[in-house]
Protein backbone atom coordinates (compact mmCIF):
# COMPACT_ATOMS: atom_id res chain seq x y z
CA MET A 1 -9.70 23.00 -63.42
CA THR A 2 -12.52 21.96 -60.98
CA LEU A 3 -12.90 19.09 -63.30
CA ASP A 4 -9.42 17.94 -63.28
CA ILE A 5 -9.45 18.10 -59.11
CA SER A 6 -12.93 16.32 -58.97
CA GLN A 7 -11.41 13.83 -61.40
CA LYS A 8 -8.22 13.39 -59.10
CA VAL A 9 -10.45 12.82 -56.09
CA ARG A 10 -12.59 10.08 -57.88
CA THR A 11 -9.47 8.14 -58.81
CA ASP A 12 -8.04 8.52 -55.09
CA LEU A 13 -11.28 7.38 -54.06
CA ARG A 14 -11.24 4.17 -56.42
CA ALA A 15 -7.80 3.20 -55.52
CA VAL A 16 -8.62 3.87 -51.75
CA ALA A 17 -11.77 1.31 -52.41
CA GLY A 18 -10.06 -0.89 -54.57
CA SER A 19 -7.26 -1.71 -51.70
CA ALA A 20 -9.83 -2.34 -49.36
CA SER A 21 -11.29 -5.38 -51.15
CA SER A 22 -7.68 -6.52 -52.32
CA ARG A 23 -6.72 -7.20 -48.84
CA LYS A 24 -5.78 -10.95 -47.89
CA GLY A 25 -8.99 -12.64 -46.01
CA ASP A 26 -11.87 -11.19 -43.93
CA LEU A 27 -11.29 -10.27 -40.07
CA GLU A 28 -11.87 -12.94 -37.41
CA ALA A 29 -15.18 -12.77 -36.04
CA LEU A 30 -14.99 -11.07 -32.52
CA GLU A 31 -16.17 -13.43 -29.72
CA PRO A 32 -19.41 -11.88 -28.10
CA ARG A 33 -19.17 -9.90 -25.16
CA GLY A 34 -20.28 -10.86 -21.81
CA ALA A 35 -20.06 -13.41 -19.06
CA LEU A 36 -18.27 -16.66 -20.45
CA PRO A 37 -20.47 -19.65 -20.58
CA ALA A 38 -20.00 -22.42 -18.33
CA ARG A 39 -17.37 -25.20 -19.15
CA ARG A 40 -15.47 -28.20 -17.38
CA GLY A 41 -11.82 -27.86 -17.05
CA VAL A 42 -9.20 -30.07 -15.60
CA GLY A 43 -6.70 -28.69 -13.35
CA GLU A 44 -3.48 -30.75 -12.01
CA PRO A 45 -2.47 -29.89 -8.31
CA ARG A 46 1.26 -28.89 -7.93
CA GLN A 47 2.95 -29.81 -4.98
CA ALA A 48 4.21 -26.85 -2.87
CA GLU A 49 7.95 -26.14 -3.44
CA ALA A 50 10.12 -26.83 -0.45
CA VAL A 51 11.16 -22.99 0.80
CA GLY A 52 10.91 -21.52 4.20
CA GLY A 53 7.48 -21.75 5.85
CA GLY A 54 7.65 -18.55 8.15
CA ALA A 55 6.62 -18.47 11.62
CA VAL A 56 4.52 -21.01 12.93
CA GLY A 57 1.97 -20.52 15.31
CA PRO A 58 1.13 -20.42 18.76
CA PHE A 59 3.32 -17.62 19.30
CA THR A 60 4.33 -17.25 22.83
CA GLU A 61 5.30 -13.82 24.14
CA LYS A 62 8.99 -13.51 25.99
CA GLU A 63 9.18 -11.80 29.13
CA ASN A 64 10.21 -7.98 29.36
CA SER A 65 10.27 -8.24 25.64
CA ARG A 66 8.06 -5.14 24.67
CA GLU A 67 9.34 -1.79 23.63
CA TYR A 68 7.38 1.59 23.45
CA PHE A 69 7.75 4.52 21.65
CA SER A 70 8.45 7.40 23.95
CA ARG A 71 5.52 9.76 22.99
CA LYS A 72 2.21 8.79 24.92
CA THR A 73 -0.96 9.58 23.39
CA GLN A 74 -4.07 10.57 25.33
CA PHE A 75 -7.86 9.93 24.60
CA TYR A 76 -10.67 11.95 26.13
CA SER A 77 -14.41 10.88 26.45
CA SER A 78 -16.79 13.52 25.10
CA GLU A 79 -17.73 14.91 28.48
CA PHE A 80 -13.74 14.99 29.15
CA LEU A 81 -14.57 13.20 32.55
CA LEU A 82 -12.36 10.16 31.60
CA VAL A 83 -8.75 10.46 30.03
CA ILE A 84 -7.05 7.43 28.77
CA GLU A 85 -3.30 7.64 28.15
CA VAL A 86 -1.41 5.13 26.02
CA GLN A 87 1.99 4.53 25.37
CA PRO A 88 2.21 2.94 21.57
CA LEU A 89 4.08 -0.53 21.26
CA GLN A 90 7.10 -0.31 18.98
CA ARG A 91 8.76 -3.81 19.12
CA LEU A 92 7.45 -7.37 20.21
CA THR A 93 9.48 -10.10 20.48
CA VAL A 94 7.81 -13.50 20.65
CA GLU A 95 8.61 -17.45 20.48
CA ASP A 96 6.88 -19.26 17.88
CA GLY A 97 5.74 -23.12 17.62
CA ASN A 98 9.25 -24.32 16.33
CA GLY A 99 11.00 -22.25 19.20
CA ASP A 100 12.48 -19.57 16.75
CA GLU A 101 12.22 -15.87 18.05
CA VAL A 102 10.20 -13.88 15.91
CA LEU A 103 10.04 -10.11 16.05
CA PHE A 104 7.16 -7.87 15.17
CA GLU A 105 8.15 -3.85 14.57
CA PHE A 106 5.31 -1.54 14.39
CA LYS A 107 5.15 1.82 13.04
CA GLU A 108 5.19 5.00 15.03
CA PRO A 109 0.87 6.25 14.87
CA PRO A 110 0.68 9.55 13.54
CA THR A 111 0.97 12.61 16.03
CA ASP A 112 -2.43 14.69 14.91
CA VAL A 113 -4.79 12.07 16.65
């Protein structure tokens, strides 16, 4: 009985080994790893598409255009002799170089400062 099992294993191994050699062609050679060698290339410059150019500097702040968050933040010096109170900026409206209005909106600072 053990002879039958060992013969079956041998037959199976030969079938597997034979199928590996009957494959079409060899595997492609892998390129060596590491940095690529230097080579010369040619690039073709492309002209930028005609889409909106965005805001153009310089920016000029409009009068009374600042809006602040209602909560003020206080910063203390290490000796607690000096206190600086800051009211964070919420919105700022400016005029760009083309005369268009640009709105800057700021996120509210965290309360655990």
